[in-house]
Amino acid sequence: MKYLVIEIQTNTDGTVGNLVYAYDDRNQAESKYHAVLSAAAISALPMHTCVLFQSDGILLARQCYVHEQEVEEEPTE
């Protein structure tokens, strides 16, 4: 059995990037999962998600941080 951690980063322009990490040991996978969430909690990205699941597709954990983005106001004339 493999354990997969997927980090999903959503940018301000709506594009999405992902990083995939594979582990043979569940504890190591959980450690990576929590490390990603630690960074995601204070991320400047509008949305930063992490998912942990087994290679057979069984979902073990998932969490998403949504950060409000400040909108720059255009100067009025």
C-alpha atoms as a PDB file:
ATOM      1  CA  MET A   1       0.000   0.000   0.000  1.00  0.00           C
ATOM      2  CA  LYS A   2       1.206   3.491  -0.874  1.00  0.00           C
ATOM      3  CA  TYR A   3       0.070   6.711   0.764  1.00  0.00           C
ATOM      4  CA  LEU A   4      -0.285   9.838  -1.329  1.00  0.00           C
ATOM      5  CA  VAL A   5      -0.274  13.461  -0.265  1.00  0.00           C
ATOM      6  CA  ILE A   6      -1.487  15.957  -2.838  1.00  0.00           C
ATOM      7  CA  GLU A   7      -0.948  19.666  -2.290  1.00  0.00           C
ATOM      8  CA  ILE A   8      -3.250  21.834  -4.399  1.00  0.00           C
ATOM      9  CA  GLN A   9      -2.445  25.524  -4.805  1.00  0.00           C
ATOM     10  CA  THR A  10      -4.975  27.869  -6.385  1.00  0.00           C
ATOM     11  CA  ASN A  11      -3.533  31.177  -7.586  1.00  0.00           C
ATOM     12  CA  THR A  12      -5.251  34.562  -7.726  1.00  0.00           C
ATOM     13  CA  ASP A  13      -5.761  34.193 -11.493  1.00  0.00           C
ATOM     14  CA  GLY A  14      -7.580  30.889 -10.941  1.00  0.00           C
ATOM     15  CA  THR A  15      -4.807  28.632 -12.198  1.00  0.00           C
ATOM     16  CA  VAL A  16      -4.152  25.511 -10.163  1.00  0.00           C
ATOM     17  CA  GLY A  17      -0.901  23.760  -9.440  1.00  0.00           C
ATOM     18  CA  ASN A  18      -0.374  20.520  -7.574  1.00  0.00           C
ATOM     19  CA  LEU A  19       2.435  18.610  -5.952  1.00  0.00           C
ATOM     20  CA  VAL A  20       2.196  14.870  -5.347  1.00  0.00           C
ATOM     21  CA  TYR A  21       4.206  13.001  -2.705  1.00  0.00           C
ATOM     22  CA  ALA A  22       4.155   9.191  -2.322  1.00  0.00           C
ATOM     23  CA  TYR A  23       5.129   7.253   0.808  1.00  0.00           C
ATOM     24  CA  ASP A  24       5.341   3.600   1.831  1.00  0.00           C
ATOM     25  CA  ASP A  25       4.761   4.488   5.482  1.00  0.00           C
ATOM     26  CA  ARG A  26       1.492   6.063   6.656  1.00  0.00           C
ATOM     27  CA  ASN A  27       3.154   7.978   9.498  1.00  0.00           C
ATOM     28  CA  GLN A  28       5.579   9.638   7.092  1.00  0.00           C
ATOM     29  CA  ALA A  29       2.684  10.531   4.790  1.00  0.00           C
ATOM     30  CA  GLU A  30       0.747  12.029   7.703  1.00  0.00           C
ATOM     31  CA  SER A  31       3.814  14.025   8.714  1.00  0.00           C
ATOM     32  CA  LYS A  32       4.038  15.508   5.202  1.00  0.00           C
ATOM     33  CA  TYR A  33       0.281  16.170   5.195  1.00  0.00           C
ATOM     34  CA  HIS A  34       0.560  18.207   8.394  1.00  0.00           C
ATOM     35  CA  ALA A  35       3.685  20.013   7.159  1.00  0.00           C
ATOM     36  CA  VAL A  36       1.809  21.116   4.038  1.00  0.00           C
ATOM     37  CA  LEU A  37      -1.150  22.291   6.137  1.00  0.00           C
ATOM     38  CA  SER A  38       1.202  24.212   8.409  1.00  0.00           C
ATOM     39  CA  ALA A  39       2.391  26.214   5.402  1.00  0.00           C
ATOM     40  CA  ALA A  40      -1.118  26.453   3.929  1.00  0.00           C
ATOM     41  CA  ALA A  41      -2.497  28.012   7.114  1.00  0.00           C
ATOM     42  CA  ILE A  42      -0.380  31.128   6.575  1.00  0.00           C
ATOM     43  CA  SER A  43      -0.130  30.980   2.786  1.00  0.00           C
ATOM     44  CA  ALA A  44      -0.654  34.057   0.633  1.00  0.00           C
ATOM     45  CA  LEU A  45      -2.547  31.950  -1.897  1.00  0.00           C
ATOM     46  CA  PRO A  46      -6.316  32.462  -2.073  1.00  0.00           C
ATOM     47  CA  MET A  47      -6.847  28.695  -1.668  1.00  0.00           C
ATOM     48  CA  HIS A  48      -4.407  26.063  -0.435  1.00  0.00           C
ATOM     49  CA  THR A  49      -5.574  22.464  -0.044  1.00  0.00           C
ATOM     50  CA  CYS A  50      -4.036  19.170   1.036  1.00  0.00           C
ATOM     51  CA  VAL A  51      -5.394  15.642   0.610  1.00  0.00           C
ATOM     52  CA  LEU A  52      -4.121  12.362   2.062  1.00  0.00           C
ATOM     53  CA  PHE A  53      -5.303   9.078   0.614  1.00  0.00           C
ATOM     54  CA  GLN A  54      -4.289   5.488   0.016  1.00  0.00           C
ATOM     55  CA  SER A  55      -3.223   4.254  -3.409  1.00  0.00           C
ATOM     56  CA  ASP A  56      -6.532   2.346  -3.631  1.00  0.00           C
ATOM     57  CA  GLY A  57      -8.355   5.694  -3.528  1.00  0.00           C
ATOM     58  CA  ILE A  58      -9.563   5.609   0.074  1.00  0.00           C
ATOM     59  CA  LEU A  59      -9.578   9.167   1.436  1.00  0.00           C
ATOM     60  CA  LEU A  60      -7.864   9.475   4.809  1.00  0.00           C
ATOM     61  CA  ALA A  61      -7.865  13.258   5.341  1.00  0.00           C
ATOM     62  CA  ARG A  62      -8.368  16.550   3.568  1.00  0.00           C
ATOM     63  CA  GLN A  63      -8.327  20.198   4.536  1.00  0.00           C
ATOM     64  CA  CYS A  64      -8.541  23.474   2.672  1.00  0.00           C
ATOM     65  CA  TYR A  65      -7.584  26.989   3.705  1.00  0.00           C
ATOM     66  CA  VAL A  66      -9.311  29.874   1.955  1.00  0.00           C
ATOM     67  CA  HIS A  67      -7.617  33.236   2.436  1.00  0.00           C
ATOM     68  CA  GLU A  68      -9.437  36.449   1.673  1.00  0.00           C
ATOM     69  CA  GLN A  69      -7.616  38.483  -0.934  1.00  0.00           C
ATOM     70  CA  GLU A  70      -7.424  42.230  -0.615  1.00  0.00           C
ATOM     71  CA  VAL A  71      -8.863  43.963  -3.642  1.00  0.00           C
ATOM     72  CA  GLU A  72      -6.974  46.993  -4.795  1.00  0.00           C
ATOM     73  CA  GLU A  73      -9.317  49.858  -5.416  1.00  0.00           C
ATOM     74  CA  GLU A  74      -8.759  51.878  -8.521  1.00  0.00           C
ATOM     75  CA  PRO A  75      -8.175  55.574  -7.871  1.00  0.00           C
ATOM     76  CA  THR A  76     -11.180  57.799  -8.485  1.00  0.00           C
ATOM     77  CA  GLU A  77     -10.792  60.884 -10.569  1.00  0.00           C
END
